[in-house]
């Protein structure tokens, strides 16, 4: 098999960067992305990957990134939709439609826009894979289970956006049977940024992302995983 090419959105820091470092060590050609070209180029030099400026909320930016990678590589094999924002931690009664839209623009519509435009390059792969980084906070099973940490969090915008990512994953998997498409929950990870109170390391949080990005032709599709295995939607 040819050297596989990976694109990871939102990957200049945190889980995206950790995933990029690990996949690079495994021999993959990795493109990290960030909204700012200077920032992502600097990080790419530090970790030895390729880079492309990409803002998931800006369609022109996405199209430009597709064109650049098409020119350089002709395809991608693995798309990791990692970009996401927490959107603050206001109480549900304090969250209006504008606040919801801000979170959904990145976490949901950004994922759809990136997937839509990069499908042309994924279809050039002999074995295309998509990994959607979701969250246990978007799992009905996890947030309603009193034994799970997710049940202690009440995050209207973020949780509902990640629940949408889960359904997007299922529908994409049904509609694109030639692509292996799964959702993953990294778990409560200390990224040193938006989630500094996480109990997992970046290594632990990126475990499931790397695992699902590196599946073979016998791997699953349309499923939801954390580092321990399948979890409920």
Protein backbone atom coordinates (compact mmCIF):
# COMPACT_ATOMS: atom_id res chain seq x y z
CA UNK A 1 0.00 0.00 0.00
CA UNK A 2 1.23 3.50 -0.84
CA UNK A 3 2.18 5.81 1.99
CA UNK A 4 -1.11 7.01 3.42
CA UNK A 5 -1.90 10.70 3.56
CA UNK A 6 -3.74 12.15 6.54
CA UNK A 7 -5.37 15.55 7.00
CA UNK A 8 -6.28 16.61 10.54
CA UNK A 9 -8.37 19.72 11.15
CA UNK A 10 -7.65 21.90 14.15
CA UNK A 11 -4.31 20.22 14.72
CA UNK A 12 -1.77 22.88 15.65
CA UNK A 13 -2.40 22.20 19.34
CA UNK A 14 -3.92 19.69 21.76
CA UNK A 15 -5.33 16.36 20.63
CA UNK A 16 -4.91 17.19 16.96
CA UNK A 17 -1.22 17.89 17.36
CA UNK A 18 -0.71 14.80 19.53
CA UNK A 19 -2.44 12.67 16.90
CA UNK A 20 -0.30 14.19 14.15
CA UNK A 21 2.91 13.41 16.02
CA UNK A 22 1.87 9.79 16.57
CA UNK A 23 0.76 9.19 12.97
CA UNK A 24 3.97 10.77 11.66
CA UNK A 25 5.98 8.31 13.78
CA UNK A 26 3.92 5.47 12.30
CA UNK A 27 5.01 6.48 8.81
CA UNK A 28 2.00 8.43 7.58
CA UNK A 29 2.24 11.64 5.55
CA UNK A 30 0.46 14.10 7.81
CA UNK A 31 -1.03 17.51 7.05
CA UNK A 32 -1.87 19.57 10.09
CA UNK A 33 -4.16 22.57 9.81
CA UNK A 34 -4.98 25.80 11.58
CA UNK A 35 -6.74 29.00 10.64
CA UNK A 36 -3.44 30.90 10.64
CA UNK A 37 -0.82 29.93 8.06
CA UNK A 38 2.11 31.26 10.08
CA UNK A 39 1.06 29.36 13.18
CA UNK A 40 0.51 26.01 11.48
CA UNK A 41 3.73 26.30 9.47
CA UNK A 42 5.69 26.89 12.68
CA UNK A 43 4.15 23.86 14.38
CA UNK A 44 4.67 21.69 11.30
CA UNK A 45 8.39 22.49 11.35
CA UNK A 46 8.55 21.60 15.05
CA UNK A 47 6.93 18.18 14.64
CA UNK A 48 8.09 17.31 11.12
CA UNK A 49 4.76 17.26 9.29
CA UNK A 50 3.28 19.13 6.33
CA UNK A 51 0.76 21.91 6.86
CA UNK A 52 -2.03 23.85 5.21
CA UNK A 53 -4.02 26.84 6.41
CA UNK A 54 -7.66 25.83 6.85
CA UNK A 55 -10.53 27.50 8.69
CA UNK A 56 -13.43 25.05 8.93
CA UNK A 57 -15.92 27.94 9.16
CA UNK A 58 -14.66 29.53 5.92
CA UNK A 59 -15.64 27.67 2.76
CA UNK A 60 -13.14 29.57 0.61
CA UNK A 61 -10.37 28.52 2.98
CA UNK A 62 -11.46 24.87 2.74
CA UNK A 63 -11.58 24.95 -1.05
CA UNK A 64 -8.12 26.53 -1.19
CA UNK A 65 -6.78 23.77 1.09
CA UNK A 66 -8.33 21.09 -1.12
CA UNK A 67 -6.74 22.62 -4.20
CA UNK A 68 -3.32 22.83 -2.54
CA UNK A 69 -3.34 19.20 -1.40
CA UNK A 70 -4.72 18.04 -4.75
CA UNK A 71 -1.77 19.71 -6.44
CA UNK A 72 0.77 18.27 -4.00
CA UNK A 73 -0.62 14.80 -3.36
CA UNK A 74 -3.56 14.15 -5.67
CA UNK A 75 -5.56 12.54 -2.86
CA UNK A 76 -5.95 12.01 0.85
CA UNK A 77 -6.55 8.64 2.49
CA UNK A 78 -7.63 9.68 5.97
CA UNK A 79 -9.62 12.73 7.07
CA UNK A 80 -9.73 13.43 10.81
CA UNK A 81 -12.41 16.00 11.64
CA UNK A 82 -10.90 17.18 14.90
CA UNK A 83 -11.59 20.93 14.93
CA UNK A 84 -14.04 21.92 17.65
CA UNK A 85 -14.79 24.55 20.26
CA UNK A 86 -16.42 24.20 23.71
CA UNK A 87 -18.42 27.40 23.40
CA UNK A 88 -18.19 28.38 27.05
CA UNK A 89 -19.87 26.91 30.07
CA UNK A 90 -22.95 29.05 30.59
CA UNK A 91 -26.07 27.61 32.15
CA UNK A 92 -28.67 26.36 29.63
CA UNK A 93 -31.07 29.19 30.48
CA UNK A 94 -28.36 31.71 29.53
CA UNK A 95 -27.63 30.27 26.08
CA UNK A 96 -29.39 31.92 23.16
CA UNK A 97 -29.51 30.97 19.49
CA UNK A 98 -26.45 33.08 18.66
CA UNK A 99 -24.34 31.19 21.18
CA UNK A 100 -25.59 27.89 19.81
CA UNK A 101 -24.86 28.96 16.24
CA UNK A 102 -21.30 29.90 17.14
CA UNK A 103 -20.61 26.37 18.44
CA UNK A 104 -22.45 24.61 15.62
CA UNK A 105 -20.62 26.66 12.97
CA UNK A 106 -17.37 24.96 13.96
CA UNK A 107 -18.41 21.63 15.45
CA UNK A 108 -21.16 20.70 13.00
CA UNK A 109 -21.31 22.85 9.88
CA UNK A 110 -17.52 23.04 9.74
CA UNK A 111 -17.31 19.25 9.79
CA UNK A 112 -19.90 18.99 7.02
CA UNK A 113 -18.17 21.59 4.86
CA UNK A 114 -14.74 19.99 5.23
CA UNK A 115 -16.12 16.53 4.53
CA UNK A 116 -18.09 17.73 1.51
CA UNK A 117 -15.13 19.39 -0.16
CA UNK A 118 -12.52 16.75 0.69
CA UNK A 119 -14.64 13.88 -0.61
CA UNK A 120 -13.18 14.46 -4.08
CA UNK A 121 -9.70 13.68 -2.70
CA UNK A 122 -10.86 10.82 -0.49
CA UNK A 123 -12.46 9.18 -3.51
CA UNK A 124 -9.00 9.02 -5.12
CA UNK A 125 -7.83 6.75 -2.27
CA UNK A 126 -7.88 2.96 -2.57
CA UNK A 127 -9.03 2.81 1.07
CA UNK A 128 -10.53 6.06 2.44
CA UNK A 129 -11.20 6.61 6.13
CA UNK A 130 -12.93 9.41 8.07
CA UNK A 131 -12.65 9.85 11.83
CA UNK A 132 -15.04 12.34 13.43
CA UNK A 133 -13.88 13.50 16.85
CA UNK A 134 -17.04 13.60 18.94
CA UNK A 135 -17.39 13.43 22.73
CA UNK A 136 -18.95 11.36 25.46
CA UNK A 137 -20.85 14.56 26.25
CA UNK A 138 -22.71 13.99 22.99
CA UNK A 139 -23.68 10.43 23.94
CA UNK A 140 -27.19 9.97 25.31
CA UNK A 141 -26.02 6.77 26.95
CA UNK A 142 -23.07 8.40 28.70
CA UNK A 143 -24.76 11.60 29.91
CA UNK A 144 -27.70 9.65 31.35
CA UNK A 145 -25.52 7.10 33.14
CA UNK A 146 -24.93 8.32 36.72
CA UNK A 147 -21.71 6.29 36.92
CA UNK A 148 -20.13 8.27 34.09
CA UNK A 149 -18.35 11.60 34.44
CA UNK A 150 -20.35 12.96 31.49
CA UNK A 151 -23.54 12.78 33.55
CA UNK A 152 -22.17 15.50 35.85
CA UNK A 153 -21.83 18.06 33.04
CA UNK A 154 -24.66 20.23 31.71
CA UNK A 155 -23.37 21.75 28.47
CA UNK A 156 -26.23 22.66 26.17
CA UNK A 157 -24.37 23.92 23.10
CA UNK A 158 -21.33 21.64 23.13
CA UNK A 159 -23.18 18.44 24.01
CA UNK A 160 -25.89 18.97 21.41
CA UNK A 161 -23.29 19.77 18.74
CA UNK A 162 -21.45 16.53 19.48
CA UNK A 163 -24.71 14.58 19.42
CA UNK A 164 -25.17 16.01 15.93
CA UNK A 165 -21.68 14.80 14.99
CA UNK A 166 -22.71 11.30 16.03
CA UNK A 167 -25.75 11.29 13.76
CA UNK A 168 -23.71 12.79 10.92
CA UNK A 169 -21.31 9.89 11.33
CA UNK A 170 -24.09 7.32 11.06
CA UNK A 171 -25.68 8.97 8.04
CA UNK A 172 -22.37 9.46 6.23
CA UNK A 173 -21.46 5.82 6.89
CA UNK A 174 -24.79 4.67 5.44
CA UNK A 175 -24.54 6.94 2.41
CA UNK A 176 -20.84 6.43 1.68
CA UNK A 177 -20.27 2.67 2.03
CA UNK A 178 -16.93 2.91 0.20
CA UNK A 179 -15.49 4.94 3.10
CA UNK A 180 -14.92 3.72 6.67
CA UNK A 181 -16.46 6.45 8.84
CA UNK A 182 -16.51 6.38 12.63
CA UNK A 183 -16.94 8.73 15.58
CA UNK A 184 -14.60 8.76 18.57
CA UNK A 185 -14.73 10.07 22.12
CA UNK A 186 -11.21 10.99 23.29
CA UNK A 187 -12.46 11.19 26.88
CA UNK A 188 -11.83 13.95 29.46
CA UNK A 189 -8.38 14.97 28.30
CA UNK A 190 -6.15 17.70 29.69
CA UNK A 191 -5.30 19.59 26.51
CA UNK A 192 -3.76 22.50 28.37
CA UNK A 193 -6.20 24.83 26.59
CA UNK A 194 -9.98 24.72 26.80
CA UNK A 195 -10.02 21.54 28.91
CA UNK A 196 -7.24 21.93 31.49
CA UNK A 197 -9.17 19.94 34.10
CA UNK A 198 -9.20 16.69 32.11
CA UNK A 199 -8.01 13.55 33.85
CA UNK A 200 -6.38 11.96 30.79
CA UNK A 201 -3.08 12.79 29.13
CA UNK A 202 -2.86 13.79 25.48
CA UNK A 203 -1.40 10.35 24.78
CA UNK A 204 -4.43 8.68 26.33
CA UNK A 205 -6.87 11.05 24.65
CA UNK A 206 -5.38 10.48 21.22
CA UNK A 207 -5.34 6.68 21.57
CA UNK A 208 -8.78 6.15 20.06
CA UNK A 209 -8.24 8.71 17.28
CA UNK A 210 -5.06 6.95 16.17
CA UNK A 211 -6.69 3.53 16.48
CA UNK A 212 -9.62 4.41 14.22
CA UNK A 213 -7.46 6.34 11.76
CA UNK A 214 -5.25 3.30 11.22
CA UNK A 215 -7.90 0.60 10.73
CA UNK A 216 -7.62 -1.77 7.79
CA UNK A 217 -10.25 -2.89 5.26
CA UNK A 218 -11.81 -5.16 7.88
CA UNK A 219 -12.30 -2.28 10.30
CA UNK A 220 -15.67 -0.97 11.50
CA UNK A 221 -17.81 1.78 10.05
CA UNK A 222 -20.71 3.76 11.45
CA UNK A 223 -19.64 3.13 15.05
CA UNK A 224 -18.77 5.17 18.15
CA UNK A 225 -15.65 4.35 20.18
CA UNK A 226 -13.60 5.50 23.12
CA UNK A 227 -10.22 4.06 24.10
CA UNK A 228 -11.97 1.17 25.89
CA UNK A 229 -14.13 0.12 22.96
CA UNK A 230 -17.63 0.73 21.61
CA UNK A 231 -19.76 3.22 23.55
CA UNK A 232 -23.49 4.01 23.31
CA UNK A 233 -24.80 6.72 21.03
